[in-house]
Amino acid sequence: PYAIERYTKEAGRLYGVLDRRLAE
């Protein structure tokens, strides 16, 4: 569970970074 939560959350964070760049 720790590893799943850790990397799932990090994936979401990185998609957020990508999404903000592609907004501009």
PDBML (XML) file of the C-alpha atoms, coordinates in Angstrom:
<?xml version="1.0" encoding="UTF-8" ?>
<PDBx:datablock datablockName="MODEL"
   xmlns:PDBx="http://pdbml.pdb.org/schema/pdbx-v50.xsd"
   xmlns:xsi="http://www.w3.org/2001/XMLSchema-instance"
   xsi:schemaLocation="http://pdbml.pdb.org/schema/pdbx-v50.xsd pdbx-v50.xsd">
   <PDBx:atom_siteCategory>
      <PDBx:atom_site id="1">
         <PDBx:B_iso_or_equiv>0.00</PDBx:B_iso_or_equiv>
         <PDBx:Cartn_x>0.000</PDBx:Cartn_x>
         <PDBx:Cartn_y>0.000</PDBx:Cartn_y>
         <PDBx:Cartn_z>0.000</PDBx:Cartn_z>
         <PDBx:auth_asym_id>A</PDBx:auth_asym_id>
         <PDBx:auth_atom_id>CA</PDBx:auth_atom_id>
         <PDBx:auth_comp_id>PRO</PDBx:auth_comp_id>
         <PDBx:auth_seq_id>1</PDBx:auth_seq_id>
         <PDBx:group_PDB>ATOM</PDBx:group_PDB>
         <PDBx:label_alt_id xsi:nil="true" />
         <PDBx:label_asym_id>A</PDBx:label_asym_id>
         <PDBx:label_atom_id>CA</PDBx:label_atom_id>
         <PDBx:label_comp_id>PRO</PDBx:label_comp_id>
         <PDBx:label_entity_id>1</PDBx:label_entity_id>
         <PDBx:label_seq_id>1</PDBx:label_seq_id>
         <PDBx:occupancy>1.00</PDBx:occupancy>
         <PDBx:pdbx_PDB_model_num>1</PDBx:pdbx_PDB_model_num>
         <PDBx:type_symbol>C</PDBx:type_symbol>
      </PDBx:atom_site>
      <PDBx:atom_site id="2">
         <PDBx:B_iso_or_equiv>0.00</PDBx:B_iso_or_equiv>
         <PDBx:Cartn_x>2.750</PDBx:Cartn_x>
         <PDBx:Cartn_y>2.504</PDBx:Cartn_y>
         <PDBx:Cartn_z>0.811</PDBx:Cartn_z>
         <PDBx:auth_asym_id>A</PDBx:auth_asym_id>
         <PDBx:auth_atom_id>CA</PDBx:auth_atom_id>
         <PDBx:auth_comp_id>TYR</PDBx:auth_comp_id>
         <PDBx:auth_seq_id>2</PDBx:auth_seq_id>
         <PDBx:group_PDB>ATOM</PDBx:group_PDB>
         <PDBx:label_alt_id xsi:nil="true" />
         <PDBx:label_asym_id>A</PDBx:label_asym_id>
         <PDBx:label_atom_id>CA</PDBx:label_atom_id>
         <PDBx:label_comp_id>TYR</PDBx:label_comp_id>
         <PDBx:label_entity_id>1</PDBx:label_entity_id>
         <PDBx:label_seq_id>2</PDBx:label_seq_id>
         <PDBx:occupancy>1.00</PDBx:occupancy>
         <PDBx:pdbx_PDB_model_num>1</PDBx:pdbx_PDB_model_num>
         <PDBx:type_symbol>C</PDBx:type_symbol>
      </PDBx:atom_site>
      <PDBx:atom_site id="3">
         <PDBx:B_iso_or_equiv>0.00</PDBx:B_iso_or_equiv>
         <PDBx:Cartn_x>4.443</PDBx:Cartn_x>
         <PDBx:Cartn_y>2.073</PDBx:Cartn_y>
         <PDBx:Cartn_z>-2.583</PDBx:Cartn_z>
         <PDBx:auth_asym_id>A</PDBx:auth_asym_id>
         <PDBx:auth_atom_id>CA</PDBx:auth_atom_id>
         <PDBx:auth_comp_id>ALA</PDBx:auth_comp_id>
         <PDBx:auth_seq_id>3</PDBx:auth_seq_id>
         <PDBx:group_PDB>ATOM</PDBx:group_PDB>
         <PDBx:label_alt_id xsi:nil="true" />
         <PDBx:label_asym_id>A</PDBx:label_asym_id>
         <PDBx:label_atom_id>CA</PDBx:label_atom_id>
         <PDBx:label_comp_id>ALA</PDBx:label_comp_id>
         <PDBx:label_entity_id>1</PDBx:label_entity_id>
         <PDBx:label_seq_id>3</PDBx:label_seq_id>
         <PDBx:occupancy>1.00</PDBx:occupancy>
         <PDBx:pdbx_PDB_model_num>1</PDBx:pdbx_PDB_model_num>
         <PDBx:type_symbol>C</PDBx:type_symbol>
      </PDBx:atom_site>
      <PDBx:atom_site id="4">
         <PDBx:B_iso_or_equiv>0.00</PDBx:B_iso_or_equiv>
         <PDBx:Cartn_x>1.129</PDBx:Cartn_x>
         <PDBx:Cartn_y>2.149</PDBx:Cartn_y>
         <PDBx:Cartn_z>-4.460</PDBx:Cartn_z>
         <PDBx:auth_asym_id>A</PDBx:auth_asym_id>
         <PDBx:auth_atom_id>CA</PDBx:auth_atom_id>
         <PDBx:auth_comp_id>ILE</PDBx:auth_comp_id>
         <PDBx:auth_seq_id>4</PDBx:auth_seq_id>
         <PDBx:group_PDB>ATOM</PDBx:group_PDB>
         <PDBx:label_alt_id xsi:nil="true" />
         <PDBx:label_asym_id>A</PDBx:label_asym_id>
         <PDBx:label_atom_id>CA</PDBx:label_atom_id>
         <PDBx:label_comp_id>ILE</PDBx:label_comp_id>
         <PDBx:label_entity_id>1</PDBx:label_entity_id>
         <PDBx:label_seq_id>4</PDBx:label_seq_id>
         <PDBx:occupancy>1.00</PDBx:occupancy>
         <PDBx:pdbx_PDB_model_num>1</PDBx:pdbx_PDB_model_num>
         <PDBx:type_symbol>C</PDBx:type_symbol>
      </PDBx:atom_site>
      <PDBx:atom_site id="5">
         <PDBx:B_iso_or_equiv>0.00</PDBx:B_iso_or_equiv>
         <PDBx:Cartn_x>0.064</PDBx:Cartn_x>
         <PDBx:Cartn_y>5.360</PDBx:Cartn_y>
         <PDBx:Cartn_z>-2.704</PDBx:Cartn_z>
         <PDBx:auth_asym_id>A</PDBx:auth_asym_id>
         <PDBx:auth_atom_id>CA</PDBx:auth_atom_id>
         <PDBx:auth_comp_id>GLU</PDBx:auth_comp_id>
         <PDBx:auth_seq_id>5</PDBx:auth_seq_id>
         <PDBx:group_PDB>ATOM</PDBx:group_PDB>
         <PDBx:label_alt_id xsi:nil="true" />
         <PDBx:label_asym_id>A</PDBx:label_asym_id>
         <PDBx:label_atom_id>CA</PDBx:label_atom_id>
         <PDBx:label_comp_id>GLU</PDBx:label_comp_id>
         <PDBx:label_entity_id>1</PDBx:label_entity_id>
         <PDBx:label_seq_id>5</PDBx:label_seq_id>
         <PDBx:occupancy>1.00</PDBx:occupancy>
         <PDBx:pdbx_PDB_model_num>1</PDBx:pdbx_PDB_model_num>
         <PDBx:type_symbol>C</PDBx:type_symbol>
      </PDBx:atom_site>
      <PDBx:atom_site id="6">
         <PDBx:B_iso_or_equiv>0.00</PDBx:B_iso_or_equiv>
         <PDBx:Cartn_x>3.488</PDBx:Cartn_x>
         <PDBx:Cartn_y>6.953</PDBx:Cartn_y>
         <PDBx:Cartn_z>-3.106</PDBx:Cartn_z>
         <PDBx:auth_asym_id>A</PDBx:auth_asym_id>
         <PDBx:auth_atom_id>CA</PDBx:auth_atom_id>
         <PDBx:auth_comp_id>ARG</PDBx:auth_comp_id>
         <PDBx:auth_seq_id>6</PDBx:auth_seq_id>
         <PDBx:group_PDB>ATOM</PDBx:group_PDB>
         <PDBx:label_alt_id xsi:nil="true" />
         <PDBx:label_asym_id>A</PDBx:label_asym_id>
         <PDBx:label_atom_id>CA</PDBx:label_atom_id>
         <PDBx:label_comp_id>ARG</PDBx:label_comp_id>
         <PDBx:label_entity_id>1</PDBx:label_entity_id>
         <PDBx:label_seq_id>6</PDBx:label_seq_id>
         <PDBx:occupancy>1.00</PDBx:occupancy>
         <PDBx:pdbx_PDB_model_num>1</PDBx:pdbx_PDB_model_num>
         <PDBx:type_symbol>C</PDBx:type_symbol>
      </PDBx:atom_site>
      <PDBx:atom_site id="7">
         <PDBx:B_iso_or_equiv>0.00</PDBx:B_iso_or_equiv>
         <PDBx:Cartn_x>3.779</PDBx:Cartn_x>
         <PDBx:Cartn_y>6.441</PDBx:Cartn_y>
         <PDBx:Cartn_z>-6.845</PDBx:Cartn_z>
         <PDBx:auth_asym_id>A</PDBx:auth_asym_id>
         <PDBx:auth_atom_id>CA</PDBx:auth_atom_id>
         <PDBx:auth_comp_id>TYR</PDBx:auth_comp_id>
         <PDBx:auth_seq_id>7</PDBx:auth_seq_id>
         <PDBx:group_PDB>ATOM</PDBx:group_PDB>
         <PDBx:label_alt_id xsi:nil="true" />
         <PDBx:label_asym_id>A</PDBx:label_asym_id>
         <PDBx:label_atom_id>CA</PDBx:label_atom_id>
         <PDBx:label_comp_id>TYR</PDBx:label_comp_id>
         <PDBx:label_entity_id>1</PDBx:label_entity_id>
         <PDBx:label_seq_id>7</PDBx:label_seq_id>
         <PDBx:occupancy>1.00</PDBx:occupancy>
         <PDBx:pdbx_PDB_model_num>1</PDBx:pdbx_PDB_model_num>
         <PDBx:type_symbol>C</PDBx:type_symbol>
      </PDBx:atom_site>
      <PDBx:atom_site id="8">
         <PDBx:B_iso_or_equiv>0.00</PDBx:B_iso_or_equiv>
         <PDBx:Cartn_x>0.098</PDBx:Cartn_x>
         <PDBx:Cartn_y>6.964</PDBx:Cartn_y>
         <PDBx:Cartn_z>-7.642</PDBx:Cartn_z>
         <PDBx:auth_asym_id>A</PDBx:auth_asym_id>
         <PDBx:auth_atom_id>CA</PDBx:auth_atom_id>
         <PDBx:auth_comp_id>THR</PDBx:auth_comp_id>
         <PDBx:auth_seq_id>8</PDBx:auth_seq_id>
         <PDBx:group_PDB>ATOM</PDBx:group_PDB>
         <PDBx:label_alt_id xsi:nil="true" />
         <PDBx:label_asym_id>A</PDBx:label_asym_id>
         <PDBx:label_atom_id>CA</PDBx:label_atom_id>
         <PDBx:label_comp_id>THR</PDBx:label_comp_id>
         <PDBx:label_entity_id>1</PDBx:label_entity_id>
         <PDBx:label_seq_id>8</PDBx:label_seq_id>
         <PDBx:occupancy>1.00</PDBx:occupancy>
         <PDBx:pdbx_PDB_model_num>1</PDBx:pdbx_PDB_model_num>
         <PDBx:type_symbol>C</PDBx:type_symbol>
      </PDBx:atom_site>
      <PDBx:atom_site id="9">
         <PDBx:B_iso_or_equiv>0.00</PDBx:B_iso_or_equiv>
         <PDBx:Cartn_x>0.204</PDBx:Cartn_x>
         <PDBx:Cartn_y>10.357</PDBx:Cartn_y>
         <PDBx:Cartn_z>-5.940</PDBx:Cartn_z>
         <PDBx:auth_asym_id>A</PDBx:auth_asym_id>
         <PDBx:auth_atom_id>CA</PDBx:auth_atom_id>
         <PDBx:auth_comp_id>LYS</PDBx:auth_comp_id>
         <PDBx:auth_seq_id>9</PDBx:auth_seq_id>
         <PDBx:group_PDB>ATOM</PDBx:group_PDB>
         <PDBx:label_alt_id xsi:nil="true" />
         <PDBx:label_asym_id>A</PDBx:label_asym_id>
         <PDBx:label_atom_id>CA</PDBx:label_atom_id>
         <PDBx:label_comp_id>LYS</PDBx:label_comp_id>
         <PDBx:label_entity_id>1</PDBx:label_entity_id>
         <PDBx:label_seq_id>9</PDBx:label_seq_id>
         <PDBx:occupancy>1.00</PDBx:occupancy>
         <PDBx:pdbx_PDB_model_num>1</PDBx:pdbx_PDB_model_num>
         <PDBx:type_symbol>C</PDBx:type_symbol>
      </PDBx:atom_site>
      <PDBx:atom_site id="10">
         <PDBx:B_iso_or_equiv>0.00</PDBx:B_iso_or_equiv>
         <PDBx:Cartn_x>3.446</PDBx:Cartn_x>
         <PDBx:Cartn_y>11.274</PDBx:Cartn_y>
         <PDBx:Cartn_z>-7.666</PDBx:Cartn_z>
         <PDBx:auth_asym_id>A</PDBx:auth_asym_id>
         <PDBx:auth_atom_id>CA</PDBx:auth_atom_id>
         <PDBx:auth_comp_id>GLU</PDBx:auth_comp_id>
         <PDBx:auth_seq_id>10</PDBx:auth_seq_id>
         <PDBx:group_PDB>ATOM</PDBx:group_PDB>
         <PDBx:label_alt_id xsi:nil="true" />
         <PDBx:label_asym_id>A</PDBx:label_asym_id>
         <PDBx:label_atom_id>CA</PDBx:label_atom_id>
         <PDBx:label_comp_id>GLU</PDBx:label_comp_id>
         <PDBx:label_entity_id>1</PDBx:label_entity_id>
         <PDBx:label_seq_id>10</PDBx:label_seq_id>
         <PDBx:occupancy>1.00</PDBx:occupancy>
         <PDBx:pdbx_PDB_model_num>1</PDBx:pdbx_PDB_model_num>
         <PDBx:type_symbol>C</PDBx:type_symbol>
      </PDBx:atom_site>
      <PDBx:atom_site id="11">
         <PDBx:B_iso_or_equiv>0.00</PDBx:B_iso_or_equiv>
         <PDBx:Cartn_x>1.955</PDBx:Cartn_x>
         <PDBx:Cartn_y>10.309</PDBx:Cartn_y>
         <PDBx:Cartn_z>-11.019</PDBx:Cartn_z>
         <PDBx:auth_asym_id>A</PDBx:auth_asym_id>
         <PDBx:auth_atom_id>CA</PDBx:auth_atom_id>
         <PDBx:auth_comp_id>ALA</PDBx:auth_comp_id>
         <PDBx:auth_seq_id>11</PDBx:auth_seq_id>
         <PDBx:group_PDB>ATOM</PDBx:group_PDB>
         <PDBx:label_alt_id xsi:nil="true" />
         <PDBx:label_asym_id>A</PDBx:label_asym_id>
         <PDBx:label_atom_id>CA</PDBx:label_atom_id>
         <PDBx:label_comp_id>ALA</PDBx:label_comp_id>
         <PDBx:label_entity_id>1</PDBx:label_entity_id>
         <PDBx:label_seq_id>11</PDBx:label_seq_id>
         <PDBx:occupancy>1.00</PDBx:occupancy>
         <PDBx:pdbx_PDB_model_num>1</PDBx:pdbx_PDB_model_num>
         <PDBx:type_symbol>C</PDBx:type_symbol>
      </PDBx:atom_site>
      <PDBx:atom_site id="12">
         <PDBx:B_iso_or_equiv>0.00</PDBx:B_iso_or_equiv>
         <PDBx:Cartn_x>-0.969</PDBx:Cartn_x>
         <PDBx:Cartn_y>12.615</PDBx:Cartn_y>
         <PDBx:Cartn_z>-10.314</PDBx:Cartn_z>
         <PDBx:auth_asym_id>A</PDBx:auth_asym_id>
         <PDBx:auth_atom_id>CA</PDBx:auth_atom_id>
         <PDBx:auth_comp_id>GLY</PDBx:auth_comp_id>
         <PDBx:auth_seq_id>12</PDBx:auth_seq_id>
         <PDBx:group_PDB>ATOM</PDBx:group_PDB>
         <PDBx:label_alt_id xsi:nil="true" />
         <PDBx:label_asym_id>A</PDBx:label_asym_id>
         <PDBx:label_atom_id>CA</PDBx:label_atom_id>
         <PDBx:label_comp_id>GLY</PDBx:label_comp_id>
         <PDBx:label_entity_id>1</PDBx:label_entity_id>
         <PDBx:label_seq_id>12</PDBx:label_seq_id>
         <PDBx:occupancy>1.00</PDBx:occupancy>
         <PDBx:pdbx_PDB_model_num>1</PDBx:pdbx_PDB_model_num>
         <PDBx:type_symbol>C</PDBx:type_symbol>
      </PDBx:atom_site>
      <PDBx:atom_site id="13">
         <PDBx:B_iso_or_equiv>0.00</PDBx:B_iso_or_equiv>
         <PDBx:Cartn_x>1.380</PDBx:Cartn_x>
         <PDBx:Cartn_y>15.436</PDBx:Cartn_y>
         <PDBx:Cartn_z>-9.351</PDBx:Cartn_z>
         <PDBx:auth_asym_id>A</PDBx:auth_asym_id>
         <PDBx:auth_atom_id>CA</PDBx:auth_atom_id>
         <PDBx:auth_comp_id>ARG</PDBx:auth_comp_id>
         <PDBx:auth_seq_id>13</PDBx:auth_seq_id>
         <PDBx:group_PDB>ATOM</PDBx:group_PDB>
         <PDBx:label_alt_id xsi:nil="true" />
         <PDBx:label_asym_id>A</PDBx:label_asym_id>
         <PDBx:label_atom_id>CA</PDBx:label_atom_id>
         <PDBx:label_comp_id>ARG</PDBx:label_comp_id>
         <PDBx:label_entity_id>1</PDBx:label_entity_id>
         <PDBx:label_seq_id>13</PDBx:label_seq_id>
         <PDBx:occupancy>1.00</PDBx:occupancy>
         <PDBx:pdbx_PDB_model_num>1</PDBx:pdbx_PDB_model_num>
         <PDBx:type_symbol>C</PDBx:type_symbol>
      </PDBx:atom_site>
      <PDBx:atom_site id="14">
         <PDBx:B_iso_or_equiv>0.00</PDBx:B_iso_or_equiv>
         <PDBx:Cartn_x>3.372</PDBx:Cartn_x>
         <PDBx:Cartn_y>15.033</PDBx:Cartn_y>
         <PDBx:Cartn_z>-12.568</PDBx:Cartn_z>
         <PDBx:auth_asym_id>A</PDBx:auth_asym_id>
         <PDBx:auth_atom_id>CA</PDBx:auth_atom_id>
         <PDBx:auth_comp_id>LEU</PDBx:auth_comp_id>
         <PDBx:auth_seq_id>14</PDBx:auth_seq_id>
         <PDBx:group_PDB>ATOM</PDBx:group_PDB>
         <PDBx:label_alt_id xsi:nil="true" />
         <PDBx:label_asym_id>A</PDBx:label_asym_id>
         <PDBx:label_atom_id>CA</PDBx:label_atom_id>
         <PDBx:label_comp_id>LEU</PDBx:label_comp_id>
         <PDBx:label_entity_id>1</PDBx:label_entity_id>
         <PDBx:label_seq_id>14</PDBx:label_seq_id>
         <PDBx:occupancy>1.00</PDBx:occupancy>
         <PDBx:pdbx_PDB_model_num>1</PDBx:pdbx_PDB_model_num>
         <PDBx:type_symbol>C</PDBx:type_symbol>
      </PDBx:atom_site>
      <PDBx:atom_site id="15">
         <PDBx:B_iso_or_equiv>0.00</PDBx:B_iso_or_equiv>
         <PDBx:Cartn_x>0.235</PDBx:Cartn_x>
         <PDBx:Cartn_y>15.011</PDBx:Cartn_y>
         <PDBx:Cartn_z>-14.706</PDBx:Cartn_z>
         <PDBx:auth_asym_id>A</PDBx:auth_asym_id>
         <PDBx:auth_atom_id>CA</PDBx:auth_atom_id>
         <PDBx:auth_comp_id>TYR</PDBx:auth_comp_id>
         <PDBx:auth_seq_id>15</PDBx:auth_seq_id>
         <PDBx:group_PDB>ATOM</PDBx:group_PDB>
         <PDBx:label_alt_id xsi:nil="true" />
         <PDBx:label_asym_id>A</PDBx:label_asym_id>
         <PDBx:label_atom_id>CA</PDBx:label_atom_id>
         <PDBx:label_comp_id>TYR</PDBx:label_comp_id>
         <PDBx:label_entity_id>1</PDBx:label_entity_id>
         <PDBx:label_seq_id>15</PDBx:label_seq_id>
         <PDBx:occupancy>1.00</PDBx:occupancy>
         <PDBx:pdbx_PDB_model_num>1</PDBx:pdbx_PDB_model_num>
         <PDBx:type_symbol>C</PDBx:type_symbol>
      </PDBx:atom_site>
      <PDBx:atom_site id="16">
         <PDBx:B_iso_or_equiv>0.00</PDBx:B_iso_or_equiv>
         <PDBx:Cartn_x>-0.697</PDBx:Cartn_x>
         <PDBx:Cartn_y>18.242</PDBx:Cartn_y>
         <PDBx:Cartn_z>-12.961</PDBx:Cartn_z>
         <PDBx:auth_asym_id>A</PDBx:auth_asym_id>
         <PDBx:auth_atom_id>CA</PDBx:auth_atom_id>
         <PDBx:auth_comp_id>GLY</PDBx:auth_comp_id>
         <PDBx:auth_seq_id>16</PDBx:auth_seq_id>
         <PDBx:group_PDB>ATOM</PDBx:group_PDB>
         <PDBx:label_alt_id xsi:nil="true" />
         <PDBx:label_asym_id>A</PDBx:label_asym_id>
         <PDBx:label_atom_id>CA</PDBx:label_atom_id>
         <PDBx:label_comp_id>GLY</PDBx:label_comp_id>
         <PDBx:label_entity_id>1</PDBx:label_entity_id>
         <PDBx:label_seq_id>16</PDBx:label_seq_id>
         <PDBx:occupancy>1.00</PDBx:occupancy>
         <PDBx:pdbx_PDB_model_num>1</PDBx:pdbx_PDB_model_num>
         <PDBx:type_symbol>C</PDBx:type_symbol>
      </PDBx:atom_site>
      <PDBx:atom_site id="17">
         <PDBx:B_iso_or_equiv>0.00</PDBx:B_iso_or_equiv>
         <PDBx:Cartn_x>2.638</PDBx:Cartn_x>
         <PDBx:Cartn_y>19.759</PDBx:Cartn_y>
         <PDBx:Cartn_z>-13.989</PDBx:Cartn_z>
         <PDBx:auth_asym_id>A</PDBx:auth_asym_id>
         <PDBx:auth_atom_id>CA</PDBx:auth_atom_id>
         <PDBx:auth_comp_id>VAL</PDBx:auth_comp_id>
         <PDBx:auth_seq_id>17</PDBx:auth_seq_id>
         <PDBx:group_PDB>ATOM</PDBx:group_PDB>
         <PDBx:label_alt_id xsi:nil="true" />
         <PDBx:label_asym_id>A</PDBx:label_asym_id>
         <PDBx:label_atom_id>CA</PDBx:label_atom_id>
         <PDBx:label_comp_id>VAL</PDBx:label_comp_id>
         <PDBx:label_entity_id>1</PDBx:label_entity_id>
         <PDBx:label_seq_id>17</PDBx:label_seq_id>
         <PDBx:occupancy>1.00</PDBx:occupancy>
         <PDBx:pdbx_PDB_model_num>1</PDBx:pdbx_PDB_model_num>
         <PDBx:type_symbol>C</PDBx:type_symbol>
      </PDBx:atom_site>
      <PDBx:atom_site id="18">
         <PDBx:B_iso_or_equiv>0.00</PDBx:B_iso_or_equiv>
         <PDBx:Cartn_x>2.069</PDBx:Cartn_x>
         <PDBx:Cartn_y>18.600</PDBx:Cartn_y>
         <PDBx:Cartn_z>-17.565</PDBx:Cartn_z>
         <PDBx:auth_asym_id>A</PDBx:auth_asym_id>
         <PDBx:auth_atom_id>CA</PDBx:auth_atom_id>
         <PDBx:auth_comp_id>LEU</PDBx:auth_comp_id>
         <PDBx:auth_seq_id>18</PDBx:auth_seq_id>
         <PDBx:group_PDB>ATOM</PDBx:group_PDB>
         <PDBx:label_alt_id xsi:nil="true" />
         <PDBx:label_asym_id>A</PDBx:label_asym_id>
         <PDBx:label_atom_id>CA</PDBx:label_atom_id>
         <PDBx:label_comp_id>LEU</PDBx:label_comp_id>
         <PDBx:label_entity_id>1</PDBx:label_entity_id>
         <PDBx:label_seq_id>18</PDBx:label_seq_id>
         <PDBx:occupancy>1.00</PDBx:occupancy>
         <PDBx:pdbx_PDB_model_num>1</PDBx:pdbx_PDB_model_num>
         <PDBx:type_symbol>C</PDBx:type_symbol>
      </PDBx:atom_site>
      <PDBx:atom_site id="19">
         <PDBx:B_iso_or_equiv>0.00</PDBx:B_iso_or_equiv>
         <PDBx:Cartn_x>-1.492</PDBx:Cartn_x>
         <PDBx:Cartn_y>19.913</PDBx:Cartn_y>
         <PDBx:Cartn_z>-17.586</PDBx:Cartn_z>
         <PDBx:auth_asym_id>A</PDBx:auth_asym_id>
         <PDBx:auth_atom_id>CA</PDBx:auth_atom_id>
         <PDBx:auth_comp_id>ASP</PDBx:auth_comp_id>
         <PDBx:auth_seq_id>19</PDBx:auth_seq_id>
         <PDBx:group_PDB>ATOM</PDBx:group_PDB>
         <PDBx:label_alt_id xsi:nil="true" />
         <PDBx:label_asym_id>A</PDBx:label_asym_id>
         <PDBx:label_atom_id>CA</PDBx:label_atom_id>
         <PDBx:label_comp_id>ASP</PDBx:label_comp_id>
         <PDBx:label_entity_id>1</PDBx:label_entity_id>
         <PDBx:label_seq_id>19</PDBx:label_seq_id>
         <PDBx:occupancy>1.00</PDBx:occupancy>
         <PDBx:pdbx_PDB_model_num>1</PDBx:pdbx_PDB_model_num>
         <PDBx:type_symbol>C</PDBx:type_symbol>
      </PDBx:atom_site>
      <PDBx:atom_site id="20">
         <PDBx:B_iso_or_equiv>0.00</PDBx:B_iso_or_equiv>
         <PDBx:Cartn_x>-0.451</PDBx:Cartn_x>
         <PDBx:Cartn_y>23.374</PDBx:Cartn_y>
         <PDBx:Cartn_z>-16.396</PDBx:Cartn_z>
         <PDBx:auth_asym_id>A</PDBx:auth_asym_id>
         <PDBx:auth_atom_id>CA</PDBx:auth_atom_id>
         <PDBx:auth_comp_id>ARG</PDBx:auth_comp_id>
         <PDBx:auth_seq_id>20</PDBx:auth_seq_id>
         <PDBx:group_PDB>ATOM</PDBx:group_PDB>
         <PDBx:label_alt_id xsi:nil="true" />
         <PDBx:label_asym_id>A</PDBx:label_asym_id>
         <PDBx:label_atom_id>CA</PDBx:label_atom_id>
         <PDBx:label_comp_id>ARG</PDBx:label_comp_id>
         <PDBx:label_entity_id>1</PDBx:label_entity_id>
         <PDBx:label_seq_id>20</PDBx:label_seq_id>
         <PDBx:occupancy>1.00</PDBx:occupancy>
         <PDBx:pdbx_PDB_model_num>1</PDBx:pdbx_PDB_model_num>
         <PDBx:type_symbol>C</PDBx:type_symbol>
      </PDBx:atom_site>
      <PDBx:atom_site id="21">
         <PDBx:B_iso_or_equiv>0.00</PDBx:B_iso_or_equiv>
         <PDBx:Cartn_x>2.221</PDBx:Cartn_x>
         <PDBx:Cartn_y>23.617</PDBx:Cartn_y>
         <PDBx:Cartn_z>-19.090</PDBx:Cartn_z>
         <PDBx:auth_asym_id>A</PDBx:auth_asym_id>
         <PDBx:auth_atom_id>CA</PDBx:auth_atom_id>
         <PDBx:auth_comp_id>ARG</PDBx:auth_comp_id>
         <PDBx:auth_seq_id>21</PDBx:auth_seq_id>
         <PDBx:group_PDB>ATOM</PDBx:group_PDB>
         <PDBx:label_alt_id xsi:nil="true" />
         <PDBx:label_asym_id>A</PDBx:label_asym_id>
         <PDBx:label_atom_id>CA</PDBx:label_atom_id>
         <PDBx:label_comp_id>ARG</PDBx:label_comp_id>
         <PDBx:label_entity_id>1</PDBx:label_entity_id>
         <PDBx:label_seq_id>21</PDBx:label_seq_id>
         <PDBx:occupancy>1.00</PDBx:occupancy>
         <PDBx:pdbx_PDB_model_num>1</PDBx:pdbx_PDB_model_num>
         <PDBx:type_symbol>C</PDBx:type_symbol>
      </PDBx:atom_site>
      <PDBx:atom_site id="22">
         <PDBx:B_iso_or_equiv>0.00</PDBx:B_iso_or_equiv>
         <PDBx:Cartn_x>-0.240</PDBx:Cartn_x>
         <PDBx:Cartn_y>22.562</PDBx:Cartn_y>
         <PDBx:Cartn_z>-21.770</PDBx:Cartn_z>
         <PDBx:auth_asym_id>A</PDBx:auth_asym_id>
         <PDBx:auth_atom_id>CA</PDBx:auth_atom_id>
         <PDBx:auth_comp_id>LEU</PDBx:auth_comp_id>
         <PDBx:auth_seq_id>22</PDBx:auth_seq_id>
         <PDBx:group_PDB>ATOM</PDBx:group_PDB>
         <PDBx:label_alt_id xsi:nil="true" />
         <PDBx:label_asym_id>A</PDBx:label_asym_id>
         <PDBx:label_atom_id>CA</PDBx:label_atom_id>
         <PDBx:label_comp_id>LEU</PDBx:label_comp_id>
         <PDBx:label_entity_id>1</PDBx:label_entity_id>
         <PDBx:label_seq_id>22</PDBx:label_seq_id>
         <PDBx:occupancy>1.00</PDBx:occupancy>
         <PDBx:pdbx_PDB_model_num>1</PDBx:pdbx_PDB_model_num>
         <PDBx:type_symbol>C</PDBx:type_symbol>
      </PDBx:atom_site>
      <PDBx:atom_site id="23">
         <PDBx:B_iso_or_equiv>0.00</PDBx:B_iso_or_equiv>
         <PDBx:Cartn_x>-2.724</PDBx:Cartn_x>
         <PDBx:Cartn_y>25.181</PDBx:Cartn_y>
         <PDBx:Cartn_z>-20.559</PDBx:Cartn_z>
         <PDBx:auth_asym_id>A</PDBx:auth_asym_id>
         <PDBx:auth_atom_id>CA</PDBx:auth_atom_id>
         <PDBx:auth_comp_id>ALA</PDBx:auth_comp_id>
         <PDBx:auth_seq_id>23</PDBx:auth_seq_id>
         <PDBx:group_PDB>ATOM</PDBx:group_PDB>
         <PDBx:label_alt_id xsi:nil="true" />
         <PDBx:label_asym_id>A</PDBx:label_asym_id>
         <PDBx:label_atom_id>CA</PDBx:label_atom_id>
         <PDBx:label_comp_id>ALA</PDBx:label_comp_id>
         <PDBx:label_entity_id>1</PDBx:label_entity_id>
         <PDBx:label_seq_id>23</PDBx:label_seq_id>
         <PDBx:occupancy>1.00</PDBx:occupancy>
         <PDBx:pdbx_PDB_model_num>1</PDBx:pdbx_PDB_model_num>
         <PDBx:type_symbol>C</PDBx:type_symbol>
      </PDBx:atom_site>
      <PDBx:atom_site id="24">
         <PDBx:B_iso_or_equiv>0.00</PDBx:B_iso_or_equiv>
         <PDBx:Cartn_x>-0.307</PDBx:Cartn_x>
         <PDBx:Cartn_y>27.840</PDBx:Cartn_y>
         <PDBx:Cartn_z>-21.796</PDBx:Cartn_z>
         <PDBx:auth_asym_id>A</PDBx:auth_asym_id>
         <PDBx:auth_atom_id>CA</PDBx:auth_atom_id>
         <PDBx:auth_comp_id>GLU</PDBx:auth_comp_id>
         <PDBx:auth_seq_id>24</PDBx:auth_seq_id>
         <PDBx:group_PDB>ATOM</PDBx:group_PDB>
         <PDBx:label_alt_id xsi:nil="true" />
         <PDBx:label_asym_id>A</PDBx:label_asym_id>
         <PDBx:label_atom_id>CA</PDBx:label_atom_id>
         <PDBx:label_comp_id>GLU</PDBx:label_comp_id>
         <PDBx:label_entity_id>1</PDBx:label_entity_id>
         <PDBx:label_seq_id>24</PDBx:label_seq_id>
         <PDBx:occupancy>1.00</PDBx:occupancy>
         <PDBx:pdbx_PDB_model_num>1</PDBx:pdbx_PDB_model_num>
         <PDBx:type_symbol>C</PDBx:type_symbol>
      </PDBx:atom_site>
   </PDBx:atom_siteCategory>
</PDBx:datablock>
